[in-house]
Amino acid sequence: MKVDAVIFGASGYGGGELLYWLSRHPHVQSVRGTSRQRSGEAFWECHPNLRGIVDGCFESCIPWDSLAESEQPVVFSALPHGELKRCIEKLELAWSSAGLSQRLLVIDLSADFRAGPFTYGLPEWNRAAIQRTRRIASPGCFATALQLALLPLRGLDLGFIASTAVTGSSGSGASASAATHHPVRANDFRAYKVLSHQHLSEVRAAMLKCEIRGELAFVPQSGPFVRGIFATAQFRLPDGLDAAAIEVRTHEVFDHEPFVRIVEESPRVAAVAGTNFADIAVAADENSAVVLVAIDNLGKGMAGQAVQAMNIALGLDETLGLWQPGRFPV
């Protein structure tokens, strides 16, 4: 299979990460990217790590007829939240006019369609549905980490779940703000959107579908690093379950998942930075348990996971283009 990929919003961090992963994919024969502000500039002028590796320039728009002969066209949208939703009807008409609609795979990295009508794109939970669809909504980065923490607890009544997640500055995007500017953030640590983060609704919806009963509270935090998320989900052990039982459940869920690694010690952000892996650990005493998760917010939490979903939807080995470790130390 030969894939021709288009990335909307390719000048942002998510777009750059997609350019990186797709350029390494054995089935991807071409990659194009759009950017209104940087149209005509070479990819490497925005993403200097791609100099000499990924050829091409940003385009203001894509003439869809140019993909009419593609064996497998794929569109990744890394646009800001709300932008794809505003233009999806016009795009669907253009894709239909170019004869692409039935063949085109669309993967949106924003929050626009996570509640529907696109298929929710968390492979470890929704793999079968991803295999049957051509429209995928990739999960949020916090939501990915927390859902992976909760998946081993399917069917349980947990009462109250206290969760936290610390994210690196790249999770705020390429444009600096008063809260994300490096001199403000580099030697600081703070919470934000306490108990009100937008990813809460995603996680709660997954809990309902997975029959996990309990009230989830979430405190997101801003860490003084660039890449990565470290998340925890803590709860009291339900009657009849002990630490060994939670560990057994974790292995049952993840032992055959290629990008989830169960570790004995604490997961480490530096061990997953630059990868599509999620490292998970479980700890418990006689009363309570905690699941700990580390992911790269731009990898498993964003672009890497989107490529993984592409592989699944196209019937490819889902590790293609993604099976590599990060650099250590970071």
C-alpha atoms as a PDB file:
ATOM      1  CA  MET A   1       0.000   0.000   0.000  1.00  0.00           C
ATOM      2  CA  LYS A   2       1.222   3.473  -0.922  1.00  0.00           C
ATOM      3  CA  VAL A   3       0.008   6.314   1.272  1.00  0.00           C
ATOM      4  CA  ASP A   4      -0.101  10.001   0.335  1.00  0.00           C
ATOM      5  CA  ALA A   5      -0.507  12.128   3.447  1.00  0.00           C
ATOM      6  CA  VAL A   6      -1.639  15.718   3.949  1.00  0.00           C
ATOM      7  CA  ILE A   7      -1.193  17.567   7.256  1.00  0.00           C
ATOM      8  CA  PHE A   8      -3.386  20.565   8.027  1.00  0.00           C
ATOM      9  CA  GLY A   9      -1.592  22.972  10.356  1.00  0.00           C
ATOM     10  CA  ALA A  10       1.823  21.442   9.725  1.00  0.00           C
ATOM     11  CA  SER A  11       3.773  24.356  11.219  1.00  0.00           C
ATOM     12  CA  GLY A  12       2.770  23.628  14.829  1.00  0.00           C
ATOM     13  CA  TYR A  13       4.383  21.161  17.200  1.00  0.00           C
ATOM     14  CA  GLY A  14       1.852  18.450  16.355  1.00  0.00           C
ATOM     15  CA  GLY A  15       2.336  19.059  12.637  1.00  0.00           C
ATOM     16  CA  GLY A  16       6.111  18.878  12.973  1.00  0.00           C
ATOM     17  CA  GLU A  17       5.828  15.639  14.905  1.00  0.00           C
ATOM     18  CA  LEU A  18       3.605  14.180  12.169  1.00  0.00           C
ATOM     19  CA  LEU A  19       6.137  15.214   9.507  1.00  0.00           C
ATOM     20  CA  TYR A  20       8.827  13.423  11.516  1.00  0.00           C
ATOM     21  CA  TRP A  21       6.914  10.150  12.007  1.00  0.00           C
ATOM     22  CA  LEU A  22       5.386   9.999   8.528  1.00  0.00           C
ATOM     23  CA  SER A  23       8.753  10.628   6.836  1.00  0.00           C
ATOM     24  CA  ARG A  24       9.978   7.393   8.477  1.00  0.00           C
ATOM     25  CA  HIS A  25       6.945   5.305   7.564  1.00  0.00           C
ATOM     26  CA  PRO A  26       7.641   2.595   4.969  1.00  0.00           C
ATOM     27  CA  HIS A  27       4.223   2.937   3.301  1.00  0.00           C
ATOM     28  CA  VAL A  28       4.123   6.746   3.094  1.00  0.00           C
ATOM     29  CA  GLN A  29       5.361   7.887  -0.309  1.00  0.00           C
ATOM     30  CA  SER A  30       4.546  11.595   0.006  1.00  0.00           C
ATOM     31  CA  VAL A  31       3.761  14.117   2.744  1.00  0.00           C
ATOM     32  CA  ARG A  32       2.360  17.603   2.194  1.00  0.00           C
ATOM     33  CA  GLY A  33       1.596  20.197   4.844  1.00  0.00           C
ATOM     34  CA  THR A  34      -0.446  23.380   5.017  1.00  0.00           C
ATOM     35  CA  SER A  35       0.210  26.623   6.875  1.00  0.00           C
ATOM     36  CA  ARG A  36      -1.453  29.923   6.096  1.00  0.00           C
ATOM     37  CA  GLN A  37       1.245  31.995   7.796  1.00  0.00           C
ATOM     38  CA  ARG A  38       4.262  30.117   6.422  1.00  0.00           C
ATOM     39  CA  SER A  39       3.126  29.147   2.931  1.00  0.00           C
ATOM     40  CA  GLY A  40       6.097  28.790   0.596  1.00  0.00           C
ATOM     41  CA  GLU A  41       8.641  28.220   3.370  1.00  0.00           C
ATOM     42  CA  ALA A  42      10.526  24.937   3.572  1.00  0.00           C
ATOM     43  CA  PHE A  43       9.464  22.573   6.339  1.00  0.00           C
ATOM     44  CA  TRP A  44      12.899  22.785   7.962  1.00  0.00           C
ATOM     45  CA  GLU A  45      12.634  26.564   8.389  1.00  0.00           C
ATOM     46  CA  CYS A  46       9.934  25.913  10.982  1.00  0.00           C
ATOM     47  CA  HIS A  47      11.125  22.481  12.140  1.00  0.00           C
ATOM     48  CA  PRO A  48      14.956  22.657  12.025  1.00  0.00           C
ATOM     49  CA  ASN A  49      15.338  19.006  13.043  1.00  0.00           C
ATOM     50  CA  LEU A  50      13.905  18.052   9.635  1.00  0.00           C
ATOM     51  CA  ARG A  51      16.595  19.872   7.602  1.00  0.00           C
ATOM     52  CA  GLY A  52      17.906  17.501   4.939  1.00  0.00           C
ATOM     53  CA  ILE A  53      15.491  14.780   6.084  1.00  0.00           C
ATOM     54  CA  VAL A  54      12.010  15.882   5.015  1.00  0.00           C
ATOM     55  CA  ASP A  55      11.764  17.777   1.738  1.00  0.00           C
ATOM     56  CA  GLY A  56       8.868  20.042   0.906  1.00  0.00           C
ATOM     57  CA  CYS A  57       7.314  23.416   1.584  1.00  0.00           C
ATOM     58  CA  PHE A  58       4.208  24.558   3.387  1.00  0.00           C
ATOM     59  CA  GLU A  59       1.200  25.150   1.119  1.00  0.00           C
ATOM     60  CA  SER A  60      -1.699  27.515   1.722  1.00  0.00           C
ATOM     61  CA  CYS A  61      -4.215  24.981   0.436  1.00  0.00           C
ATOM     62  CA  ILE A  62      -4.310  21.563  -1.222  1.00  0.00           C
ATOM     63  CA  PRO A  63      -5.767  21.005  -4.715  1.00  0.00           C
ATOM     64  CA  TRP A  64      -7.670  17.801  -3.978  1.00  0.00           C
ATOM     65  CA  ASP A  65      -7.668  16.667  -7.605  1.00  0.00           C
ATOM     66  CA  SER A  66      -3.931  16.106  -7.190  1.00  0.00           C
ATOM     67  CA  LEU A  67      -4.732  13.152  -4.918  1.00  0.00           C
ATOM     68  CA  ALA A  68      -7.260  11.571  -7.266  1.00  0.00           C
ATOM     69  CA  GLU A  69      -4.811   8.862  -8.323  1.00  0.00           C
ATOM     70  CA  SER A  70      -3.496   8.150  -4.861  1.00  0.00           C
ATOM     71  CA  GLU A  71      -3.853   4.543  -3.750  1.00  0.00           C
ATOM     72  CA  GLN A  72      -4.502   5.657  -0.169  1.00  0.00           C
ATOM     73  CA  PRO A  73      -4.942   9.347   0.672  1.00  0.00           C
ATOM     74  CA  VAL A  74      -4.814  10.327   4.352  1.00  0.00           C
ATOM     75  CA  VAL A  75      -5.504  13.712   5.940  1.00  0.00           C
ATOM     76  CA  PHE A  76      -4.236  14.574   9.410  1.00  0.00           C
ATOM     77  CA  SER A  77      -5.659  17.744  10.915  1.00  0.00           C
ATOM     78  CA  ALA A  78      -3.401  19.422  13.479  1.00  0.00           C
ATOM     79  CA  LEU A  79      -5.385  22.649  13.366  1.00  0.00           C
ATOM     80  CA  PRO A  80      -6.358  24.543  16.541  1.00  0.00           C
ATOM     81  CA  HIS A  81      -9.542  23.425  18.263  1.00  0.00           C
ATOM     82  CA  GLY A  82     -12.650  24.480  16.347  1.00  0.00           C
ATOM     83  CA  GLU A  83     -11.077  25.105  12.934  1.00  0.00           C
ATOM     84  CA  LEU A  84     -11.734  21.744  11.295  1.00  0.00           C
ATOM     85  CA  LYS A  85     -15.301  21.706  12.620  1.00  0.00           C
ATOM     86  CA  ARG A  86     -15.953  25.075  10.992  1.00  0.00           C
ATOM     87  CA  CYS A  87     -14.879  23.874   7.539  1.00  0.00           C
ATOM     88  CA  ILE A  88     -15.627  20.136   7.544  1.00  0.00           C
ATOM     89  CA  GLU A  89     -18.808  20.389   5.425  1.00  0.00           C
ATOM     90  CA  LYS A  90     -16.980  22.366   2.735  1.00  0.00           C
ATOM     91  CA  LEU A  91     -14.083  19.912   2.829  1.00  0.00           C
ATOM     92  CA  GLU A  92     -16.362  16.881   2.554  1.00  0.00           C
ATOM     93  CA  LEU A  93     -17.922  18.417  -0.555  1.00  0.00           C
ATOM     94  CA  ALA A  94     -14.479  19.079  -2.061  1.00  0.00           C
ATOM     95  CA  TRP A  95     -13.346  15.535  -1.273  1.00  0.00           C
ATOM     96  CA  SER A  96     -16.503  14.140  -2.835  1.00  0.00           C
ATOM     97  CA  SER A  97     -16.020  16.238  -5.995  1.00  0.00           C
ATOM     98  CA  ALA A  98     -12.461  14.892  -6.288  1.00  0.00           C
ATOM     99  CA  GLY A  99     -13.677  11.309  -5.860  1.00  0.00           C
ATOM    100  CA  LEU A 100     -11.859  10.900  -2.547  1.00  0.00           C
ATOM    101  CA  SER A 101     -14.603  10.558   0.050  1.00  0.00           C
ATOM    102  CA  GLN A 102     -14.872   6.778   0.185  1.00  0.00           C
ATOM    103  CA  ARG A 103     -11.114   6.195   0.184  1.00  0.00           C
ATOM    104  CA  LEU A 104      -9.944   9.143   2.265  1.00  0.00           C
ATOM    105  CA  LEU A 105      -8.894   8.504   5.864  1.00  0.00           C
ATOM    106  CA  VAL A 106      -9.232  11.626   8.039  1.00  0.00           C
ATOM    107  CA  ILE A 107      -7.610  11.806  11.488  1.00  0.00           C
ATOM    108  CA  ASP A 108      -8.301  14.895  13.588  1.00  0.00           C
ATOM    109  CA  LEU A 109      -5.935  15.716  16.455  1.00  0.00           C
ATOM    110  CA  SER A 110      -8.158  18.446  17.919  1.00  0.00           C
ATOM    111  CA  ALA A 111     -11.134  18.145  20.266  1.00  0.00           C
ATOM    112  CA  ASP A 112     -13.666  18.919  17.533  1.00  0.00           C
ATOM    113  CA  PHE A 113     -15.106  15.435  16.996  1.00  0.00           C
ATOM    114  CA  ARG A 114     -14.109  13.405  20.060  1.00  0.00           C
ATOM    115  CA  ALA A 115     -17.726  13.295  21.210  1.00  0.00           C
ATOM    116  CA  GLY A 116     -18.846  12.244  17.703  1.00  0.00           C
ATOM    117  CA  PRO A 117     -19.467  11.618  14.865  1.00  0.00           C
ATOM    118  CA  PHE A 118     -15.836  10.548  14.320  1.00  0.00           C
ATOM    119  CA  THR A 119     -14.565   7.288  15.849  1.00  0.00           C
ATOM    120  CA  TYR A 120     -12.647   7.801  19.075  1.00  0.00           C
ATOM    121  CA  GLY A 121      -9.034   6.880  18.351  1.00  0.00           C
ATOM    122  CA  LEU A 122      -7.550   5.317  21.505  1.00  0.00           C
ATOM    123  CA  PRO A 123      -6.172   2.018  20.126  1.00  0.00           C
ATOM    124  CA  GLU A 124      -5.925   0.192  23.448  1.00  0.00           C
ATOM    125  CA  TRP A 125      -9.634   0.717  24.044  1.00  0.00           C
ATOM    126  CA  ASN A 126     -11.259   1.166  20.627  1.00  0.00           C
ATOM    127  CA  ARG A 127      -9.118  -0.838  18.209  1.00  0.00           C
ATOM    128  CA  ALA A 128     -11.992  -2.778  16.592  1.00  0.00           C
ATOM    129  CA  ALA A 129     -13.935   0.396  15.809  1.00  0.00           C
ATOM    130  CA  ILE A 130     -10.813   2.103  14.419  1.00  0.00           C
ATOM    131  CA  GLN A 131     -10.357  -0.820  12.017  1.00  0.00           C
ATOM    132  CA  ARG A 132     -13.787  -0.154  10.493  1.00  0.00           C
ATOM    133  CA  THR A 133     -13.773   3.620  10.099  1.00  0.00           C
ATOM    134  CA  ARG A 134     -12.465   6.359   7.830  1.00  0.00           C
ATOM    135  CA  ARG A 135     -12.975   9.271  10.260  1.00  0.00           C
ATOM    136  CA  ILE A 136     -10.966   9.237  13.518  1.00  0.00           C
ATOM    137  CA  ALA A 137     -10.840  11.695  16.425  1.00  0.00           C
ATOM    138  CA  SER A 138      -7.496  11.303  18.165  1.00  0.00           C
ATOM    139  CA  PRO A 139      -7.690  11.563  21.988  1.00  0.00           C
ATOM    140  CA  GLY A 140      -6.341  14.446  24.021  1.00  0.00           C
ATOM    141  CA  CYS A 141      -2.960  14.023  25.696  1.00  0.00           C
ATOM    142  CA  PHE A 142      -4.198  14.133  29.307  1.00  0.00           C
ATOM    143  CA  ALA A 143      -7.167  11.965  28.343  1.00  0.00           C
ATOM    144  CA  THR A 144      -4.826   9.371  26.823  1.00  0.00           C
ATOM    145  CA  ALA A 145      -2.723   9.104  29.971  1.00  0.00           C
ATOM    146  CA  LEU A 146      -5.701   8.926  32.324  1.00  0.00           C
ATOM    147  CA  GLN A 147      -7.654   6.445  30.222  1.00  0.00           C
ATOM    148  CA  LEU A 148      -4.645   4.138  30.052  1.00  0.00           C
ATOM    149  CA  ALA A 149      -4.438   4.374  33.845  1.00  0.00           C
ATOM    150  CA  LEU A 150      -8.105   3.451  34.209  1.00  0.00           C
ATOM    151  CA  LEU A 151      -8.449   0.685  31.587  1.00  0.00           C
ATOM    152  CA  PRO A 152      -7.333  -2.107  33.964  1.00  0.00           C
ATOM    153  CA  LEU A 153     -10.199  -1.101  36.282  1.00  0.00           C
ATOM    154  CA  ARG A 154     -13.047  -1.907  33.879  1.00  0.00           C
ATOM    155  CA  GLY A 155     -16.221  -3.024  35.576  1.00  0.00           C
ATOM    156  CA  LEU A 156     -15.212  -1.852  39.058  1.00  0.00           C
ATOM    157  CA  ASP A 157     -16.929   0.529  41.452  1.00  0.00           C
ATOM    158  CA  LEU A 158     -14.089   2.742  42.665  1.00  0.00           C
ATOM    159  CA  GLY A 159     -16.008   5.380  44.570  1.00  0.00           C
ATOM    160  CA  PHE A 160     -13.710   8.409  44.368  1.00  0.00           C
ATOM    161  CA  ILE A 161     -10.707   8.595  41.995  1.00  0.00           C
ATOM    162  CA  ALA A 162      -8.136  11.330  42.598  1.00  0.00           C
ATOM    163  CA  SER A 163      -6.040  11.991  39.504  1.00  0.00           C
ATOM    164  CA  THR A 164      -3.255  14.381  38.625  1.00  0.00           C
ATOM    165  CA  ALA A 165      -1.124  14.900  35.537  1.00  0.00           C
ATOM    166  CA  VAL A 166       1.939  17.068  34.998  1.00  0.00           C
ATOM    167  CA  THR A 167       2.582  18.211  31.423  1.00  0.00           C
ATOM    168  CA  GLY A 168       5.514  19.759  29.628  1.00  0.00           C
ATOM    169  CA  SER A 169       5.381  23.142  27.945  1.00  0.00           C
ATOM    170  CA  SER A 170       4.973  21.749  24.402  1.00  0.00           C
ATOM    171  CA  GLY A 171       1.435  20.755  25.368  1.00  0.00           C
ATOM    172  CA  SER A 172       0.494  24.443  25.186  1.00  0.00           C
ATOM    173  CA  GLY A 173       1.446  24.727  21.512  1.00  0.00           C
ATOM    174  CA  ALA A 174       4.053  26.651  19.573  1.00  0.00           C
ATOM    175  CA  SER A 175       2.759  30.143  20.409  1.00  0.00           C
ATOM    176  CA  ALA A 176       3.968  31.438  23.765  1.00  0.00           C
ATOM    177  CA  SER A 177       1.547  32.914  26.287  1.00  0.00           C
ATOM    178  CA  ALA A 178       1.999  34.584  29.663  1.00  0.00           C
ATOM    179  CA  ALA A 179       1.726  31.169  31.325  1.00  0.00           C
ATOM    180  CA  THR A 180       3.862  29.140  28.894  1.00  0.00           C
ATOM    181  CA  HIS A 181       6.723  31.542  28.063  1.00  0.00           C
ATOM    182  CA  HIS A 182       9.960  29.758  29.015  1.00  0.00           C
ATOM    183  CA  PRO A 183      11.343  32.290  31.549  1.00  0.00           C
ATOM    184  CA  VAL A 184       8.025  32.116  33.422  1.00  0.00           C
ATOM    185  CA  ARG A 185       7.761  28.340  33.370  1.00  0.00           C
ATOM    186  CA  ALA A 186      11.321  26.993  33.494  1.00  0.00           C
ATOM    187  CA  ASN A 187      11.779  27.085  37.287  1.00  0.00           C
ATOM    188  CA  ASP A 188       8.161  26.924  38.348  1.00  0.00           C
ATOM    189  CA  PHE A 189       5.489  24.323  39.068  1.00  0.00           C
ATOM    190  CA  ARG A 190       1.781  25.084  39.289  1.00  0.00           C
ATOM    191  CA  ALA A 191      -1.707  23.689  38.852  1.00  0.00           C
ATOM    192  CA  TYR A 192      -4.208  25.102  36.360  1.00  0.00           C
ATOM    193  CA  LYS A 193      -7.834  24.499  35.323  1.00  0.00           C
ATOM    194  CA  VAL A 194      -8.177  22.686  38.640  1.00  0.00           C
ATOM    195  CA  LEU A 195     -11.110  20.221  38.555  1.00  0.00           C
ATOM    196  CA  SER A 196     -12.316  21.801  35.289  1.00  0.00           C
ATOM    197  CA  HIS A 197      -9.968  20.710  32.480  1.00  0.00           C
ATOM    198  CA  GLN A 198     -11.661  20.046  29.141  1.00  0.00           C
ATOM    199  CA  HIS A 199     -10.276  16.490  28.948  1.00  0.00           C
ATOM    200  CA  LEU A 200     -12.356  15.473  31.971  1.00  0.00           C
ATOM    201  CA  SER A 201     -15.434  14.959  29.790  1.00  0.00           C
ATOM    202  CA  GLU A 202     -13.462  12.627  27.507  1.00  0.00           C
ATOM    203  CA  VAL A 203     -12.293  10.478  30.380  1.00  0.00           C
ATOM    204  CA  ARG A 204     -15.686  10.383  32.056  1.00  0.00           C
ATOM    205  CA  ALA A 205     -17.318   9.292  28.784  1.00  0.00           C
ATOM    206  CA  ALA A 206     -14.808   6.451  28.481  1.00  0.00           C
ATOM    207  CA  MET A 207     -15.461   5.449  32.092  1.00  0.00           C
ATOM    208  CA  LEU A 208     -19.161   5.065  31.311  1.00  0.00           C
ATOM    209  CA  LYS A 209     -18.475   2.917  28.269  1.00  0.00           C
ATOM    210  CA  CYS A 210     -15.989   0.811  30.237  1.00  0.00           C
ATOM    211  CA  GLU A 211     -18.433   0.490  33.160  1.00  0.00           C
ATOM    212  CA  ILE A 212     -16.013   2.084  35.604  1.00  0.00           C
ATOM    213  CA  ARG A 213     -18.159   3.534  38.370  1.00  0.00           C
ATOM    214  CA  GLY A 214     -16.885   6.377  40.517  1.00  0.00           C
ATOM    215  CA  GLU A 215     -16.369  10.119  40.667  1.00  0.00           C
ATOM    216  CA  LEU A 216     -13.211  11.342  38.937  1.00  0.00           C
ATOM    217  CA  ALA A 217     -11.442  14.499  40.126  1.00  0.00           C
ATOM    218  CA  PHE A 218      -8.554  15.808  38.027  1.00  0.00           C
ATOM    219  CA  VAL A 219      -5.853  18.367  38.803  1.00  0.00           C
ATOM    220  CA  PRO A 220      -3.652  19.202  35.771  1.00  0.00           C
ATOM    221  CA  GLN A 221      -0.253  20.693  36.489  1.00  0.00           C
ATOM    222  CA  SER A 222       2.393  22.580  34.540  1.00  0.00           C
ATOM    223  CA  GLY A 223       5.925  21.197  34.762  1.00  0.00           C
ATOM    224  CA  PRO A 224       9.293  22.835  33.953  1.00  0.00           C
ATOM    225  CA  PHE A 225      10.140  20.519  31.042  1.00  0.00           C
ATOM    226  CA  VAL A 226       9.264  20.451  27.343  1.00  0.00           C
ATOM    227  CA  ARG A 227       7.958  16.978  26.471  1.00  0.00           C
ATOM    228  CA  GLY A 228       5.981  14.514  28.493  1.00  0.00           C
ATOM    229  CA  ILE A 229       3.096  13.813  30.840  1.00  0.00           C
ATOM    230  CA  PHE A 230       3.257  12.058  34.187  1.00  0.00           C
ATOM    231  CA  ALA A 231      -0.201  11.032  35.400  1.00  0.00           C
ATOM    232  CA  THR A 232      -1.524   9.277  38.490  1.00  0.00           C
ATOM    233  CA  ALA A 233      -4.932   7.819  39.338  1.00  0.00           C
ATOM    234  CA  GLN A 234      -5.415   6.945  43.014  1.00  0.00           C
ATOM    235  CA  PHE A 235      -8.396   5.135  44.560  1.00  0.00           C
ATOM    236  CA  ARG A 236      -9.392   2.943  47.497  1.00  0.00           C
ATOM    237  CA  LEU A 237      -9.235  -0.765  46.781  1.00  0.00           C
ATOM    238  CA  PRO A 238     -12.707  -2.215  46.218  1.00  0.00           C
ATOM    239  CA  ASP A 239     -13.784  -5.042  48.511  1.00  0.00           C
ATOM    240  CA  GLY A 240     -12.270  -8.347  47.464  1.00  0.00           C
ATOM    241  CA  LEU A 241      -9.362  -6.847  45.528  1.00  0.00           C
ATOM    242  CA  ASP A 242      -5.766  -6.481  46.651  1.00  0.00           C
ATOM    243  CA  ALA A 243      -2.567  -5.194  45.086  1.00  0.00           C
ATOM    244  CA  ALA A 244      -1.906  -8.503  43.319  1.00  0.00           C
ATOM    245  CA  ALA A 245      -5.355  -8.455  41.715  1.00  0.00           C
ATOM    246  CA  ILE A 246      -4.841  -4.934  40.329  1.00  0.00           C
ATOM    247  CA  GLU A 247      -1.481  -5.998  38.919  1.00  0.00           C
ATOM    248  CA  VAL A 248      -3.050  -9.065  37.276  1.00  0.00           C
ATOM    249  CA  ARG A 249      -5.706  -6.865  35.691  1.00  0.00           C
ATOM    250  CA  THR A 250      -3.033  -4.523  34.377  1.00  0.00           C
ATOM    251  CA  HIS A 251      -1.145  -7.369  32.715  1.00  0.00           C
ATOM    252  CA  GLU A 252      -4.347  -8.800  31.228  1.00  0.00           C
ATOM    253  CA  VAL A 253      -5.128  -5.484  29.577  1.00  0.00           C
ATOM    254  CA  PHE A 254      -1.673  -4.457  28.395  1.00  0.00           C
ATOM    255  CA  ASP A 255       0.581  -7.497  27.927  1.00  0.00           C
ATOM    256  CA  HIS A 256      -0.291  -7.688  24.235  1.00  0.00           C
ATOM    257  CA  GLU A 257      -0.327  -3.935  23.590  1.00  0.00           C
ATOM    258  CA  PRO A 258       2.785  -3.041  21.563  1.00  0.00           C
ATOM    259  CA  PHE A 259       3.152   0.500  22.882  1.00  0.00           C
ATOM    260  CA  VAL A 260       2.360  -0.050  26.561  1.00  0.00           C
ATOM    261  CA  ARG A 261       5.235  -1.140  28.801  1.00  0.00           C
ATOM    262  CA  ILE A 262       4.510  -2.276  32.351  1.00  0.00           C
ATOM    263  CA  VAL A 263       7.406  -1.289  34.589  1.00  0.00           C
ATOM    264  CA  GLU A 264       8.238  -2.297  38.141  1.00  0.00           C
ATOM    265  CA  GLU A 265       9.635   1.049  39.217  1.00  0.00           C
ATOM    266  CA  SER A 266       8.083   4.474  38.719  1.00  0.00           C
ATOM    267  CA  PRO A 267       7.542   5.388  35.045  1.00  0.00           C
ATOM    268  CA  ARG A 268       9.840   8.146  33.827  1.00  0.00           C
ATOM    269  CA  VAL A 269       9.029  10.927  31.410  1.00  0.00           C
ATOM    270  CA  ALA A 270      12.598  10.869  30.057  1.00  0.00           C
ATOM    271  CA  ALA A 271      12.211   7.193  29.108  1.00  0.00           C
ATOM    272  CA  VAL A 272       9.238   7.853  26.804  1.00  0.00           C
ATOM    273  CA  ALA A 273      10.114  11.313  25.442  1.00  0.00           C
ATOM    274  CA  GLY A 274      10.288  11.242  21.656  1.00  0.00           C
ATOM    275  CA  THR A 275       8.426   7.904  21.433  1.00  0.00           C
ATOM    276  CA  ASN A 276       4.946   6.453  21.082  1.00  0.00           C
ATOM    277  CA  PHE A 277       5.321   4.359  24.240  1.00  0.00           C
ATOM    278  CA  ALA A 278       3.355   4.573  27.476  1.00  0.00           C
ATOM    279  CA  ASP A 279       5.081   3.276  30.603  1.00  0.00           C
ATOM    280  CA  ILE A 280       2.718   2.137  33.367  1.00  0.00           C
ATOM    281  CA  ALA A 281       3.224   0.985  36.957  1.00  0.00           C
ATOM    282  CA  VAL A 282       0.874  -0.043  39.764  1.00  0.00           C
ATOM    283  CA  ALA A 283       1.440   0.365  43.503  1.00  0.00           C
ATOM    284  CA  ALA A 284      -0.862  -0.509  46.385  1.00  0.00           C
ATOM    285  CA  ASP A 285      -1.062  -1.015  50.122  1.00  0.00           C
ATOM    286  CA  GLU A 286      -3.803  -2.678  52.143  1.00  0.00           C
ATOM    287  CA  ASN A 287      -6.227   0.205  51.578  1.00  0.00           C
ATOM    288  CA  SER A 288      -5.524   2.028  48.364  1.00  0.00           C
ATOM    289  CA  ALA A 289      -3.905   1.724  44.958  1.00  0.00           C
ATOM    290  CA  VAL A 290      -2.383   4.059  42.409  1.00  0.00           C
ATOM    291  CA  VAL A 291      -1.712   3.650  38.694  1.00  0.00           C
ATOM    292  CA  LEU A 292       1.142   5.755  37.302  1.00  0.00           C
ATOM    293  CA  VAL A 293       1.573   6.567  33.617  1.00  0.00           C
ATOM    294  CA  ALA A 294       4.256   8.375  31.611  1.00  0.00           C
ATOM    295  CA  ILE A 295       3.802   9.346  27.960  1.00  0.00           C
ATOM    296  CA  ASP A 296       5.177  11.901  25.523  1.00  0.00           C
ATOM    297  CA  ASN A 297       2.381  14.423  25.001  1.00  0.00           C
ATOM    298  CA  LEU A 298       3.453  14.912  21.363  1.00  0.00           C
ATOM    299  CA  GLY A 299       3.965  11.173  20.792  1.00  0.00           C
ATOM    300  CA  LYS A 300       1.500   8.758  22.390  1.00  0.00           C
ATOM    301  CA  GLY A 301      -0.506  11.789  23.485  1.00  0.00           C
ATOM    302  CA  MET A 302      -0.830  13.254  19.995  1.00  0.00           C
ATOM    303  CA  ALA A 303       0.951  12.629  16.683  1.00  0.00           C
ATOM    304  CA  GLY A 304       2.426   9.187  17.349  1.00  0.00           C
ATOM    305  CA  GLN A 305      -0.953   7.885  18.452  1.00  0.00           C
ATOM    306  CA  ALA A 306      -2.563   9.356  15.310  1.00  0.00           C
ATOM    307  CA  VAL A 307      -0.079   7.452  13.130  1.00  0.00           C
ATOM    308  CA  GLN A 308      -0.776   4.308  15.168  1.00  0.00           C
ATOM    309  CA  ALA A 309      -4.498   4.778  14.466  1.00  0.00           C
ATOM    310  CA  MET A 310      -3.747   5.274  10.771  1.00  0.00           C
ATOM    311  CA  ASN A 311      -1.892   1.962  10.687  1.00  0.00           C
ATOM    312  CA  ILE A 312      -4.821   0.188  12.346  1.00  0.00           C
ATOM    313  CA  ALA A 313      -7.452   1.761  10.086  1.00  0.00           C
ATOM    314  CA  LEU A 314      -5.468   0.800   6.967  1.00  0.00           C
ATOM    315  CA  GLY A 315      -4.902  -2.780   8.098  1.00  0.00           C
ATOM    316  CA  LEU A 316      -1.154  -2.310   8.543  1.00  0.00           C
ATOM    317  CA  ASP A 317       1.078  -3.460  11.400  1.00  0.00           C
ATOM    318  CA  GLU A 318       0.333  -0.742  13.925  1.00  0.00           C
ATOM    319  CA  THR A 319       3.985  -0.370  14.916  1.00  0.00           C
ATOM    320  CA  LEU A 320       5.105   0.661  11.411  1.00  0.00           C
ATOM    321  CA  GLY A 321       7.066   3.908  11.444  1.00  0.00           C
ATOM    322  CA  LEU A 322       6.819   4.127  15.238  1.00  0.00           C
ATOM    323  CA  TRP A 323       8.903   1.286  16.646  1.00  0.00           C
ATOM    324  CA  GLN A 324      11.882   3.090  18.125  1.00  0.00           C
ATOM    325  CA  PRO A 325      13.159   4.185  21.513  1.00  0.00           C
ATOM    326  CA  GLY A 326      13.746   7.783  22.505  1.00  0.00           C
ATOM    327  CA  ARG A 327      17.094   9.286  23.462  1.00  0.00           C
ATOM    328  CA  PHE A 328      18.324   8.963  27.029  1.00  0.00           C
ATOM    329  CA  PRO A 329      19.194  11.161  28.766  1.00  0.00           C
ATOM    330  CA  VAL A 330      16.918  13.722  27.155  1.00  0.00           C
END
